[in-house]
Amino acid sequence: MKKHLVYILWIALLTSAAGCKKFLDVTPQGVVTVENVSTPDKVDGLVIAAYAWLPHEGTINGRMSPWLADIKSDDSYKGGGGIGDQLPWYQWEVFTLNNANTGNNDGIWYAEYQGVSRCNTAIKALASINETDYPAKQQRIAEMKFLRGYFFLNLKRWYKWIPYFDESLPVDSIRTVPNRPAGAANDLAIWQNIYNDFDAASKVLPADQQEPGRPTKYAAQALMLESLMWMAYEQDMSNKVVNINKETLAKALPIADGIISSGKYSLAPDYAINFLFDYDNKSPESIFEWQYSHSDGTPNGNLNGGTPLNAPWWPPSFSCCDFHKASYNMVNAFKTDAKGIPMFDDYNDQDITPANRSIYFSSNKWDPRIGHTVAIPGLPWKYQQNLLFDSSGSRDPATFGYFNSLKENVESNSPGLVNLFWMWNSKNEIAIRYDRILLQKAEILIRLGREQEALPIINSIRQRAANSTGRLKFSNGTPTLPYNISLYINGVNCNWTSDFAWKALMFENRLEFGMEGVRWYDLVRWGIAAQTLNAYFAKELPRGRAWLKDGKFATGRDEFMPIPQPQINYAFGMYQQNPGY
């Protein structure tokens, strides 16, 4: 499907009515209109335009890049050339300086609704075509509902209170849709609409797609599952989790089971496979991935617009820009005790400093996933045994430390690397992985009081991590760190009670999806963001991270971003601001 992404530019003019802005009702002269392309031979242009929108958009000008959620968690620091380099992201990560006019936030709202608009435009065009003339009609509509649900899912997790609308609503009426319906006691109705999009898509989409990048029914079911995992943790109007709905969890369980029992997915034998350019569309645990391309006949290719700032500032290998730095807290979370299990309560008691860094890593034991997640000075960069990462790759180490993010980056000699000063790459981005489904099932089982059934699931994730050390070696064959990871064995290295199982589940999620933008959403969904982030700030400040002095999480406000003030203005009073802003 990558080859199709290069001819979407001409269609972009058709789908710009997303941000609740009113346009003049004038018939265009001498340009392409939606009616012109609502034909069997041209409608695919509208479909591909919807596919191309989110993956291609840039981090600063609008894309809801997963890593932006990391800087609001304890997983990463903003990074870059000091706190003033992309100041809005600093305001986000300390929370107290964030407001409805903070930069970079309005672009996310606008861009995601551009995606919604493209999907709705494509659905309306498809609906007007006779299925005899276009046999793929129902499947393409289902694909567009999947993508529309995906855009809305991004918006929902980021802002909570959002206006939902589908293709049946005239464009001129979009601005009449409130983000918070009158009399709403909670946000479950919005979640239900998003769930319904995925549900409708799952009933039509095939189990397999010949073209990579098109969703299957299992991808749709995975996002049905994701929606239910949010719906189960019911929040009041102040964002407080007031109920964990076991009926909703019971509804989610067979969806997870169906994906697992399909036999179409399995854990990759090596965790690294999920993050390597050479394995685009080849990982056995990839359920859906965004497609990127280069050398495709366009000047630069259809590159990942979400991550070009995240390579180290490390000439000649990389020229820019050192954002998305792994926090010291994140690094410490990978430590294991003498039994090979996480140090749940005291993992962050020791600090890493430039003076003790070498002895610190050699004297502690580590979960192997740190070697796939964090670039550490003195260790190979992205499995390149002939290229050791060093401290010079950190642009402002006095502020943000020395640890870089690895997963979204590529090898210095990767054919997918495109150096435009910003370090773009065309490595695909796996948006839905099988390991997430497994851990969601484990979470459901623990919450339903069936923690013994969750134990082998969590252990399967840990076993794969233990098996993933083949690429974590120096050129002489020695391990890059002293790795030590064990399975949980009830009565031997742990007592697998309900409380212990929940701690293990939370930690496993953090380690498995470290630096992937998952942590922040889990903290909010579980209702523990305030206690986690305020404990994090309290520990960071005395350790010399003075730039976090303004860090404080306010319960009832900071779980979600403010509705951008420009969007409130465009909506002529229909939108209500989120609490606390």
Protein backbone atom coordinates (compact mmCIF):
# COMPACT_ATOMS: atom_id res chain seq x y z
CA MET A 1 0.00 0.00 0.00
CA LYS A 2 2.99 2.32 0.40
CA LYS A 3 3.11 2.93 -3.34
CA HIS A 4 -0.35 4.50 -3.22
CA LEU A 5 0.57 7.17 -0.70
CA VAL A 6 2.48 9.31 -3.16
CA TYR A 7 -0.45 10.61 -5.19
CA ILE A 8 -2.55 12.14 -2.40
CA LEU A 9 -1.44 15.77 -2.56
CA TRP A 10 -4.03 16.83 -5.13
CA ILE A 11 -6.84 15.49 -2.99
CA ALA A 12 -5.86 17.39 0.16
CA LEU A 13 -7.69 20.51 -1.02
CA LEU A 14 -10.99 18.67 -0.75
CA THR A 15 -10.96 17.91 2.94
CA SER A 16 -10.07 21.04 4.87
CA ALA A 17 -13.44 21.70 6.52
CA ALA A 18 -12.62 20.03 9.83
CA GLY A 19 -11.92 22.78 12.36
CA CYS A 20 -15.43 24.19 12.68
CA LYS A 21 -14.50 27.10 10.36
CA LYS A 22 -17.18 28.37 7.98
CA PHE A 23 -16.34 28.68 4.31
CA LEU A 24 -18.07 30.77 1.61
CA ASP A 25 -20.75 28.87 -0.26
CA VAL A 26 -19.21 29.43 -3.68
CA THR A 27 -19.00 26.82 -6.44
CA PRO A 28 -15.29 26.29 -7.15
CA GLN A 29 -14.13 27.13 -10.66
CA GLY A 30 -11.41 25.15 -12.41
CA VAL A 31 -10.58 22.92 -9.41
CA VAL A 32 -11.29 19.35 -8.34
CA THR A 33 -14.47 18.93 -6.25
CA VAL A 34 -15.69 16.02 -4.15
CA GLU A 35 -18.37 15.36 -6.75
CA ASN A 36 -15.68 15.05 -9.44
CA VAL A 37 -14.01 12.17 -7.62
CA SER A 38 -17.12 10.39 -6.32
CA THR A 39 -16.78 7.85 -9.10
CA PRO A 40 -15.58 4.24 -9.04
CA ASP A 41 -12.38 5.06 -10.88
CA LYS A 42 -11.41 8.02 -8.66
CA VAL A 43 -12.86 7.47 -5.19
CA ASP A 44 -9.75 5.59 -4.03
CA GLY A 45 -7.99 8.95 -4.03
CA LEU A 46 -10.23 10.08 -1.18
CA VAL A 47 -9.64 6.82 0.69
CA ILE A 48 -5.87 7.05 0.36
CA ALA A 49 -5.97 10.71 1.41
CA ALA A 50 -7.54 9.61 4.70
CA TYR A 51 -4.94 6.90 5.20
CA ALA A 52 -2.09 9.30 4.51
CA TRP A 53 -3.14 12.08 6.84
CA LEU A 54 -2.18 11.02 10.36
CA PRO A 55 1.08 9.18 9.63
CA HIS A 56 2.45 12.00 7.50
CA GLU A 57 1.62 15.00 9.68
CA GLY A 58 4.53 16.58 11.55
CA THR A 59 5.06 16.61 15.30
CA ILE A 60 5.02 20.39 15.72
CA ASN A 61 2.33 21.28 13.20
CA GLY A 62 -0.24 18.88 14.47
CA ARG A 63 0.45 15.17 14.67
CA MET A 64 -0.58 13.43 17.89
CA SER A 65 2.74 11.59 18.01
CA PRO A 66 2.78 8.86 20.67
CA TRP A 67 5.97 10.18 22.27
CA LEU A 68 4.31 13.49 23.17
CA ALA A 69 2.31 11.58 25.76
CA ASP A 70 5.57 10.30 27.25
CA ILE A 71 6.73 13.75 28.31
CA LYS A 72 3.59 14.04 30.45
CA SER A 73 4.55 10.82 32.25
CA ASP A 74 7.55 9.75 34.32
CA ASP A 75 9.01 7.92 31.31
CA SER A 76 10.76 10.80 29.56
CA TYR A 77 11.96 14.38 29.59
CA LYS A 78 11.12 16.74 26.75
CA GLY A 79 14.75 17.05 25.69
CA GLY A 80 16.07 19.29 22.94
CA GLY A 81 18.26 22.35 23.43
CA GLY A 82 17.01 23.45 26.86
CA ILE A 83 13.58 24.17 28.28
CA GLY A 84 13.04 27.04 25.82
CA ASP A 85 13.44 24.76 22.80
CA GLN A 86 9.80 24.00 22.02
CA LEU A 87 8.72 25.68 25.25
CA PRO A 88 5.10 24.42 24.99
CA TRP A 89 6.23 20.86 25.57
CA TYR A 90 8.01 21.97 28.75
CA GLN A 91 4.77 23.63 29.85
CA TRP A 92 2.95 20.38 29.23
CA GLU A 93 5.35 18.24 31.23
CA VAL A 94 5.33 20.40 34.37
CA PHE A 95 1.55 20.87 34.12
CA THR A 96 1.36 24.11 36.17
CA LEU A 97 2.37 26.26 33.18
CA ASN A 98 -0.09 24.68 30.78
CA ASN A 99 -3.21 26.55 29.68
CA ALA A 100 -5.74 26.83 26.86
CA ASN A 101 -3.40 29.02 24.81
CA THR A 102 -0.26 26.92 25.18
CA GLY A 103 1.39 26.33 21.82
CA ASN A 104 1.42 23.10 19.81
CA ASN A 105 -1.90 22.01 21.34
CA ASP A 106 -4.31 23.62 18.89
CA GLY A 107 -2.52 21.91 16.00
CA ILE A 108 -3.31 18.48 17.45
CA TRP A 109 -7.03 19.23 17.65
CA TYR A 110 -7.09 20.70 14.16
CA ALA A 111 -5.05 17.91 12.57
CA GLU A 112 -7.04 15.09 14.14
CA TYR A 113 -10.30 16.64 12.98
CA GLN A 114 -8.78 17.05 9.52
CA GLY A 115 -8.42 13.28 9.61
CA VAL A 116 -12.04 12.86 10.72
CA SER A 117 -13.10 15.15 7.86
CA ARG A 118 -11.19 13.11 5.29
CA CYS A 119 -12.83 9.92 6.54
CA ASN A 120 -16.32 11.44 6.47
CA THR A 121 -15.73 12.86 2.99
CA ALA A 122 -14.60 9.45 1.73
CA ILE A 123 -17.56 7.66 3.35
CA LYS A 124 -20.07 10.04 1.75
CA ALA A 125 -18.44 9.62 -1.64
CA LEU A 126 -18.39 5.84 -1.28
CA ALA A 127 -22.03 5.77 -0.22
CA SER A 128 -23.04 7.50 -3.44
CA ILE A 129 -21.45 4.82 -5.64
CA ASN A 130 -23.24 1.70 -6.83
CA GLU A 131 -21.70 -1.41 -5.31
CA THR A 132 -21.96 -3.21 -8.64
CA ASP A 133 -19.63 -0.63 -10.15
CA TYR A 134 -17.34 -0.62 -7.11
CA PRO A 135 -17.37 -4.04 -5.36
CA ALA A 136 -15.00 -2.88 -2.61
CA LYS A 137 -17.51 -0.27 -1.42
CA GLN A 138 -18.49 -1.80 1.94
CA GLN A 139 -14.95 -2.74 2.83
CA ARG A 140 -13.66 0.73 2.05
CA ILE A 141 -16.42 2.29 4.17
CA ALA A 142 -15.39 -0.04 7.00
CA GLU A 143 -11.76 1.03 6.59
CA MET A 144 -12.81 4.66 6.83
CA LYS A 145 -14.84 3.98 9.98
CA PHE A 146 -11.77 2.30 11.46
CA LEU A 147 -9.61 5.32 10.67
CA ARG A 148 -12.25 7.75 11.90
CA GLY A 149 -12.45 5.83 15.15
CA TYR A 150 -8.66 6.00 15.41
CA PHE A 151 -8.64 9.79 15.02
CA PHE A 152 -11.41 10.15 17.58
CA LEU A 153 -9.60 7.76 19.94
CA ASN A 154 -6.54 10.01 19.84
CA LEU A 155 -8.68 13.06 20.54
CA LYS A 156 -10.65 11.38 23.33
CA ARG A 157 -7.61 10.23 25.28
CA TRP A 158 -5.96 13.64 24.94
CA TYR A 159 -8.87 16.03 25.62
CA LYS A 160 -11.67 13.84 27.06
CA TRP A 161 -14.53 16.17 26.07
CA ILE A 162 -14.69 16.26 22.27
CA PRO A 163 -17.47 16.72 19.72
CA TYR A 164 -18.25 13.47 17.93
CA PHE A 165 -19.99 13.52 14.54
CA ASP A 166 -20.18 11.22 11.55
CA GLU A 167 -20.65 11.58 7.81
CA SER A 168 -24.40 12.21 8.12
CA LEU A 169 -23.86 15.66 9.63
CA PRO A 170 -23.65 18.50 7.08
CA VAL A 171 -20.37 20.39 7.22
CA ASP A 172 -22.15 23.63 8.07
CA SER A 173 -23.64 21.97 11.16
CA ILE A 174 -20.37 20.72 12.65
CA ARG A 175 -19.95 23.87 14.72
CA THR A 176 -23.33 23.19 16.41
CA VAL A 177 -22.10 19.95 18.02
CA PRO A 178 -21.12 20.50 21.67
CA ASN A 179 -18.05 18.86 23.10
CA ARG A 180 -19.85 18.27 26.40
CA PRO A 181 -23.55 17.50 25.90
CA ALA A 182 -25.94 19.25 28.25
CA GLY A 183 -26.77 17.15 31.27
CA ALA A 184 -23.93 14.67 30.73
CA ALA A 185 -23.00 12.88 33.95
CA ASN A 186 -19.95 11.23 32.40
CA ASP A 187 -18.19 10.80 29.08
CA LEU A 188 -19.32 7.25 28.31
CA ALA A 189 -21.59 8.30 25.45
CA ILE A 190 -18.60 9.67 23.53
CA TRP A 191 -16.69 6.48 24.16
CA GLN A 192 -19.68 4.49 22.92
CA ASN A 193 -19.69 6.34 19.61
CA ILE A 194 -15.99 5.59 19.12
CA TYR A 195 -16.52 1.96 20.06
CA ASN A 196 -19.39 1.77 17.56
CA ASP A 197 -17.10 2.89 14.72
CA PHE A 198 -14.68 0.08 15.46
CA ASP A 199 -17.51 -2.41 15.97
CA ALA A 200 -19.07 -1.52 12.62
CA ALA A 201 -15.69 -1.83 10.93
CA SER A 202 -14.99 -5.22 12.53
CA LYS A 203 -18.20 -6.69 11.11
CA VAL A 204 -17.11 -5.97 7.52
CA LEU A 205 -13.32 -6.01 7.43
CA PRO A 206 -11.65 -9.28 6.39
CA ALA A 207 -9.41 -11.38 8.58
CA ASP A 208 -6.51 -10.75 6.18
CA GLN A 209 -5.59 -7.92 3.85
CA GLN A 210 -3.51 -8.37 0.74
CA GLU A 211 -2.19 -4.81 0.97
CA PRO A 212 -0.22 -4.01 4.14
CA GLY A 213 -1.55 -0.96 5.91
CA ARG A 214 -5.24 -1.72 5.51
CA PRO A 215 -6.85 -2.78 8.81
CA THR A 216 -8.29 -6.23 9.39
CA LYS A 217 -11.23 -7.13 11.56
CA TYR A 218 -8.75 -7.99 14.30
CA ALA A 219 -7.28 -4.49 14.21
CA ALA A 220 -10.79 -3.12 14.64
CA GLN A 221 -11.46 -5.54 17.49
CA ALA A 222 -8.22 -4.50 19.16
CA LEU A 223 -9.43 -0.90 19.25
CA MET A 224 -12.86 -2.05 20.45
CA LEU A 225 -10.90 -3.64 23.28
CA GLU A 226 -8.92 -0.44 23.88
CA SER A 227 -12.13 1.57 24.05
CA LEU A 228 -13.69 -0.82 26.55
CA MET A 229 -10.56 -0.71 28.72
CA TRP A 230 -11.15 3.03 29.06
CA MET A 231 -14.91 2.69 29.51
CA ALA A 232 -14.44 0.20 32.34
CA TYR A 233 -12.62 2.78 34.48
CA GLU A 234 -15.55 5.14 34.88
CA GLN A 235 -14.67 8.77 35.62
CA ASP A 236 -16.77 11.46 37.19
CA MET A 237 -16.92 15.03 35.90
CA SER A 238 -13.68 15.81 37.79
CA ASN A 239 -11.76 13.01 36.02
CA LYS A 240 -11.71 10.83 39.13
CA VAL A 241 -12.05 7.07 38.60
CA VAL A 242 -15.14 6.30 40.67
CA ASN A 243 -15.92 2.78 39.50
CA ILE A 244 -14.25 -0.15 37.78
CA ASN A 245 -17.11 -1.68 35.84
CA LYS A 246 -16.72 -5.45 35.86
CA GLU A 247 -19.52 -5.92 33.36
CA THR A 248 -17.59 -3.82 30.85
CA LEU A 249 -14.45 -5.84 31.55
CA ALA A 250 -16.41 -9.06 31.09
CA LYS A 251 -17.57 -7.71 27.70
CA ALA A 252 -13.96 -6.96 26.75
CA LEU A 253 -12.59 -10.40 27.67
CA PRO A 254 -14.05 -12.40 24.74
CA ILE A 255 -12.80 -9.74 22.32
CA ALA A 256 -9.27 -10.27 23.60
CA ASP A 257 -9.78 -14.02 23.49
CA GLY A 258 -10.98 -13.85 19.90
CA ILE A 259 -7.86 -12.03 18.74
CA ILE A 260 -5.61 -14.42 20.66
CA SER A 261 -7.40 -17.58 19.52
CA SER A 262 -7.39 -16.48 15.88
CA GLY A 263 -3.89 -17.93 15.62
CA LYS A 264 -2.81 -15.09 13.37
CA TYR A 265 -0.51 -13.40 15.86
CA SER A 266 2.26 -14.41 18.21
CA LEU A 267 5.04 -12.74 20.16
CA ALA A 268 8.07 -12.08 18.00
CA PRO A 269 10.93 -14.35 19.04
CA ASP A 270 13.09 -11.27 19.61
CA TYR A 271 11.56 -8.08 21.02
CA ALA A 272 13.88 -6.09 18.70
CA ILE A 273 11.96 -7.21 15.61
CA ASN A 274 9.18 -4.75 16.45
CA PHE A 275 11.51 -1.77 16.14
CA LEU A 276 13.70 -2.53 13.12
CA PHE A 277 13.28 -1.15 9.61
CA ASP A 278 14.11 -4.52 8.07
CA TYR A 279 11.01 -6.04 9.68
CA ASP A 280 8.38 -3.63 8.37
CA ASN A 281 5.16 -5.66 7.97
CA LYS A 282 7.02 -8.78 9.07
CA SER A 283 6.62 -8.92 12.85
CA PRO A 284 4.28 -11.75 13.90
CA GLU A 285 2.79 -9.51 16.57
CA SER A 286 1.95 -6.57 14.30
CA ILE A 287 -1.84 -6.18 14.14
CA PHE A 288 -1.79 -2.78 12.43
CA GLU A 289 1.04 -0.52 11.39
CA TRP A 290 1.30 2.85 9.72
CA GLN A 291 3.09 2.65 6.39
CA TYR A 292 5.98 4.92 5.44
CA SER A 293 8.06 5.11 2.30
CA HIS A 294 11.16 6.65 0.74
CA SER A 295 12.72 6.51 -2.74
CA ASP A 296 9.16 6.36 -4.02
CA GLY A 297 9.33 8.97 -6.77
CA THR A 298 8.59 11.94 -4.51
CA PRO A 299 11.31 14.35 -3.33
CA ASN A 300 11.66 12.92 0.18
CA GLY A 301 9.14 10.11 0.48
CA ASN A 302 6.20 9.61 2.79
CA LEU A 303 8.20 9.79 6.00
CA ASN A 304 7.23 9.49 9.65
CA GLY A 305 6.35 13.08 10.52
CA GLY A 306 6.09 12.30 14.22
CA THR A 307 9.66 11.47 15.15
CA PRO A 308 12.27 13.48 13.15
CA LEU A 309 13.31 15.45 16.26
CA ASN A 310 14.12 12.38 18.34
CA ALA A 311 17.50 11.24 17.06
CA PRO A 312 20.51 12.27 19.15
CA TRP A 313 22.47 15.45 18.40
CA TRP A 314 25.42 13.35 17.34
CA PRO A 315 27.30 14.24 14.15
CA PRO A 316 28.23 12.68 11.84
CA SER A 317 25.75 9.89 12.59
CA PHE A 318 22.79 12.15 13.37
CA SER A 319 22.43 15.92 13.08
CA CYS A 320 19.32 16.64 15.15
CA CYS A 321 17.57 17.13 17.62
CA ASP A 322 17.74 15.15 20.88
CA PHE A 323 14.11 15.32 21.98
CA HIS A 324 12.32 12.54 23.88
CA LYS A 325 14.99 11.73 26.45
CA ALA A 326 14.52 8.72 28.72
CA SER A 327 14.11 9.85 32.32
CA TYR A 328 16.32 8.57 35.09
CA ASN A 329 13.17 7.17 36.68
CA MET A 330 12.42 5.22 33.48
CA VAL A 331 15.94 3.79 33.37
CA ASN A 332 15.81 2.75 37.01
CA ALA A 333 12.51 0.95 36.44
CA PHE A 334 14.36 -1.72 34.42
CA LYS A 335 16.45 -2.81 37.42
CA THR A 336 15.75 -6.29 38.78
CA ASP A 337 16.44 -7.75 42.19
CA ALA A 338 18.48 -10.85 43.01
CA LYS A 339 15.48 -13.01 42.10
CA GLY A 340 15.20 -11.43 38.65
CA ILE A 341 11.93 -9.60 39.21
CA PRO A 342 11.23 -5.84 39.26
CA MET A 343 12.04 -3.74 42.30
CA PHE A 344 8.49 -2.47 42.64
CA ASP A 345 8.92 -0.20 45.64
CA ASP A 346 12.59 0.79 45.75
CA TYR A 347 13.69 0.78 42.10
CA ASN A 348 14.25 4.55 42.15
CA ASP A 349 16.06 4.85 45.48
CA GLN A 350 19.45 5.25 43.81
CA ASP A 351 20.33 8.10 41.48
CA ILE A 352 22.41 7.85 38.33
CA THR A 353 25.05 10.55 37.98
CA PRO A 354 27.78 11.16 35.38
CA ALA A 355 30.35 10.18 38.00
CA ASN A 356 28.78 6.84 38.94
CA ARG A 357 27.17 5.93 35.61
CA SER A 358 29.61 3.22 34.55
CA ILE A 359 29.73 1.41 37.89
CA TYR A 360 25.98 1.90 38.32
CA PHE A 361 25.12 -0.08 35.22
CA SER A 362 27.70 -2.78 35.82
CA SER A 363 26.82 -3.30 39.49
CA ASN A 364 23.05 -3.60 39.05
CA LYS A 365 21.00 -6.26 37.25
CA TRP A 366 18.72 -5.33 34.37
CA ASP A 367 15.64 -6.40 32.46
CA PRO A 368 16.85 -6.91 28.84
CA ARG A 369 14.16 -4.56 27.52
CA ILE A 370 16.28 -1.62 28.63
CA GLY A 371 18.71 -2.46 25.82
CA HIS A 372 15.93 -2.15 23.25
CA THR A 373 14.40 0.98 24.75
CA VAL A 374 17.17 3.28 25.97
CA ALA A 375 20.41 4.41 24.31
CA ILE A 376 23.07 4.39 27.03
CA PRO A 377 26.54 5.92 26.61
CA GLY A 378 29.12 3.19 26.10
CA LEU A 379 26.63 0.72 24.62
CA PRO A 380 25.97 0.04 20.93
CA TRP A 381 23.55 2.37 19.19
CA LYS A 382 20.53 0.38 17.96
CA TYR A 383 22.38 -2.97 17.92
CA GLN A 384 25.31 -1.52 15.88
CA GLN A 385 28.27 -3.20 17.52
CA ASN A 386 30.70 -0.99 15.60
CA LEU A 387 29.04 2.23 16.79
CA LEU A 388 29.03 2.89 20.51
CA PHE A 389 26.74 5.67 21.68
CA ASP A 390 28.56 8.33 23.67
CA SER A 391 27.80 11.33 25.84
CA SER A 392 28.41 13.79 23.02
CA GLY A 393 25.08 12.70 21.54
CA SER A 394 23.26 14.55 24.28
CA ARG A 395 22.57 18.16 23.36
CA ASP A 396 21.87 19.52 26.86
CA PRO A 397 22.98 16.81 29.29
CA ALA A 398 23.07 19.13 32.29
CA THR A 399 19.31 19.48 31.94
CA PHE A 400 18.00 16.34 30.28
CA GLY A 401 20.68 13.75 30.97
CA TYR A 402 22.39 11.27 28.67
CA PHE A 403 19.77 8.69 27.78
CA ASN A 404 18.08 8.66 24.38
CA SER A 405 15.03 6.88 23.07
CA LEU A 406 15.76 3.96 20.73
CA LYS A 407 12.54 2.37 19.52
CA GLU A 408 11.41 5.05 17.05
CA ASN A 409 14.94 5.65 15.78
CA VAL A 410 16.89 3.65 13.20
CA GLU A 411 20.49 2.57 12.72
CA SER A 412 22.90 5.25 11.54
CA ASN A 413 23.36 3.32 8.28
CA SER A 414 19.70 2.38 7.81
CA PRO A 415 18.36 2.69 4.25
CA GLY A 416 15.24 4.15 5.85
CA LEU A 417 17.08 7.17 7.28
CA VAL A 418 16.53 10.48 5.46
CA ASN A 419 18.73 13.31 6.70
CA LEU A 420 17.01 16.66 6.16
CA PHE A 421 18.82 18.04 9.22
CA TRP A 422 15.82 16.80 11.11
CA MET A 423 16.38 13.06 11.08
CA TRP A 424 13.38 11.60 9.31
CA ASN A 425 12.95 7.89 8.68
CA SER A 426 10.58 5.61 6.82
CA LYS A 427 10.47 2.79 9.34
CA ASN A 428 6.88 1.73 9.82
CA GLU A 429 5.19 2.42 13.14
CA ILE A 430 3.35 -0.53 14.67
CA ALA A 431 0.25 1.07 16.14
CA ILE A 432 -1.33 -2.12 17.53
CA ARG A 433 0.76 -5.02 18.83
CA TYR A 434 -0.18 -8.45 20.10
CA ASP A 435 1.70 -7.96 23.37
CA ARG A 436 -0.76 -5.18 24.22
CA ILE A 437 -3.69 -7.54 23.72
CA LEU A 438 -2.08 -10.13 25.99
CA LEU A 439 -1.48 -7.64 28.78
CA GLN A 440 -4.97 -6.21 28.44
CA LYS A 441 -6.35 -9.71 28.90
CA ALA A 442 -4.14 -10.15 31.96
CA GLU A 443 -5.40 -6.84 33.34
CA ILE A 444 -9.01 -7.89 32.86
CA LEU A 445 -8.43 -11.21 34.60
CA ILE A 446 -6.75 -9.56 37.59
CA ARG A 447 -9.54 -7.03 37.93
CA LEU A 448 -12.10 -9.84 37.79
CA GLY A 449 -10.35 -11.69 40.63
CA ARG A 450 -8.84 -14.33 38.33
CA GLU A 451 -5.21 -13.37 38.87
CA GLN A 452 -3.96 -16.96 38.68
CA GLU A 453 -5.07 -17.08 35.04
CA ALA A 454 -3.13 -13.87 34.38
CA LEU A 455 0.15 -15.31 35.67
CA PRO A 456 1.08 -17.40 32.57
CA ILE A 457 0.17 -14.49 30.28
CA ILE A 458 2.50 -12.08 32.06
CA ASN A 459 5.17 -14.77 32.21
CA SER A 460 4.94 -15.27 28.44
CA ILE A 461 5.83 -11.59 28.00
CA ARG A 462 8.72 -11.94 30.43
CA GLN A 463 9.96 -15.10 28.75
CA ARG A 464 10.11 -13.30 25.43
CA ALA A 465 12.08 -10.49 27.09
CA ALA A 466 14.51 -13.06 28.51
CA ASN A 467 14.94 -14.52 25.01
CA SER A 468 15.68 -11.11 23.48
CA THR A 469 19.37 -10.70 24.29
CA GLY A 470 20.88 -11.94 21.02
CA ARG A 471 21.35 -8.41 19.67
CA LEU A 472 22.40 -6.96 23.03
CA LYS A 473 26.10 -7.73 22.77
CA PHE A 474 29.38 -5.98 22.19
CA SER A 475 31.49 -6.94 19.20
CA ASN A 476 33.40 -9.45 21.33
CA GLY A 477 30.17 -11.28 22.17
CA THR A 478 29.82 -10.17 25.78
CA PRO A 479 26.44 -8.86 27.00
CA THR A 480 26.05 -5.10 26.96
CA LEU A 481 24.74 -5.17 30.54
CA PRO A 482 24.35 -7.77 33.31
CA TYR A 483 20.85 -8.94 32.36
CA ASN A 484 18.81 -10.87 34.88
CA ILE A 485 15.11 -11.55 34.38
CA SER A 486 12.98 -14.35 35.78
CA LEU A 487 9.43 -15.53 35.46
CA TYR A 488 7.13 -15.08 38.41
CA ILE A 489 6.95 -18.35 40.34
CA ASN A 490 4.28 -18.33 43.01
CA GLY A 491 5.66 -19.32 46.39
CA VAL A 492 9.26 -19.15 45.19
CA ASN A 493 10.17 -15.61 44.16
CA CYS A 494 6.79 -14.03 44.89
CA ASN A 495 3.40 -14.54 46.47
CA TRP A 496 1.00 -14.15 43.54
CA THR A 497 -1.83 -12.45 45.41
CA SER A 498 -4.28 -10.07 43.80
CA ASP A 499 -2.31 -7.05 45.04
CA PHE A 500 1.02 -8.45 43.87
CA ALA A 501 -0.43 -9.41 40.50
CA TRP A 502 -1.69 -5.85 40.01
CA LYS A 503 1.75 -4.40 40.79
CA ALA A 504 3.31 -6.88 38.37
CA LEU A 505 0.80 -5.98 35.65
CA MET A 506 1.40 -2.25 36.00
CA PHE A 507 5.17 -2.72 35.91
CA GLU A 508 5.01 -5.10 32.95
CA ASN A 509 3.07 -2.52 30.97
CA ARG A 510 5.68 0.12 31.72
CA LEU A 511 8.63 -2.08 30.77
CA GLU A 512 7.04 -3.59 27.67
CA PHE A 513 5.88 -0.27 26.21
CA GLY A 514 8.54 2.04 27.59
CA MET A 515 8.98 5.24 25.54
CA GLU A 516 6.03 4.33 23.28
CA GLY A 517 3.50 6.80 24.67
CA VAL A 518 1.49 4.15 26.53
CA ARG A 519 2.49 4.94 30.11
CA TRP A 520 0.72 8.31 30.34
CA TYR A 521 -2.61 6.95 29.18
CA ASP A 522 -2.40 3.99 31.56
CA LEU A 523 -1.79 6.31 34.51
CA VAL A 524 -4.83 8.40 33.62
CA ARG A 525 -7.01 5.39 32.84
CA TRP A 526 -6.13 3.69 36.12
CA GLY A 527 -6.69 6.91 38.06
CA ILE A 528 -3.18 7.08 39.53
CA ALA A 529 -1.63 9.90 37.51
CA ALA A 530 -1.60 12.41 40.37
CA GLN A 531 0.08 10.19 42.95
CA THR A 532 2.59 8.86 40.41
CA LEU A 533 3.57 12.20 38.89
CA ASN A 534 3.77 14.14 42.16
CA ALA A 535 5.98 11.42 43.67
CA TYR A 536 8.10 11.62 40.53
CA PHE A 537 8.52 15.41 40.81
CA ALA A 538 9.33 15.15 44.53
CA LYS A 539 12.18 12.75 43.77
CA GLU A 540 13.53 14.52 40.68
CA LEU A 541 13.95 18.02 42.11
CA PRO A 542 16.43 17.27 44.93
CA ARG A 543 18.47 15.19 42.49
CA GLY A 544 19.35 18.27 40.52
CA ARG A 545 16.57 18.43 37.96
CA ALA A 546 15.94 22.07 38.89
CA TRP A 547 14.06 22.69 35.66
CA LEU A 548 11.23 20.57 37.10
CA LYS A 549 10.70 22.99 39.99
CA ASP A 550 7.31 23.94 38.56
CA GLY A 551 6.23 20.33 38.27
CA LYS A 552 2.98 19.64 40.08
CA PHE A 553 0.01 17.59 38.97
CA ALA A 554 -3.41 18.99 39.91
CA THR A 555 -6.06 16.31 40.37
CA GLY A 556 -9.19 17.03 38.37
CA ARG A 557 -7.40 19.17 35.80
CA ASP A 558 -4.19 17.68 34.50
CA GLU A 559 -5.52 14.29 33.46
CA PHE A 560 -6.45 15.89 30.13
CA MET A 561 -5.26 18.74 27.98
CA PRO A 562 -7.25 21.97 27.78
CA ILE A 563 -9.57 22.48 24.84
CA PRO A 564 -7.51 24.86 22.64
CA GLN A 565 -8.83 28.40 22.99
CA PRO A 566 -8.92 28.97 19.20
CA GLN A 567 -11.28 26.01 18.87
CA ILE A 568 -13.57 27.41 21.56
CA ASN A 569 -13.59 30.67 19.64
CA TYR A 570 -14.38 28.96 16.32
CA ALA A 571 -17.27 27.06 17.93
CA PHE A 572 -19.11 30.26 18.91
CA GLY A 573 -19.60 29.16 22.50
CA MET A 574 -20.63 25.54 21.85
CA TYR A 575 -17.53 24.12 23.55
CA GLN A 576 -16.99 24.06 27.31
CA GLN A 577 -13.46 24.21 28.63
CA ASN A 578 -12.13 21.25 30.59
CA PRO A 579 -12.17 21.58 34.40
CA GLY A 580 -9.43 23.69 35.96
CA TYR A 581 -8.34 25.62 32.87
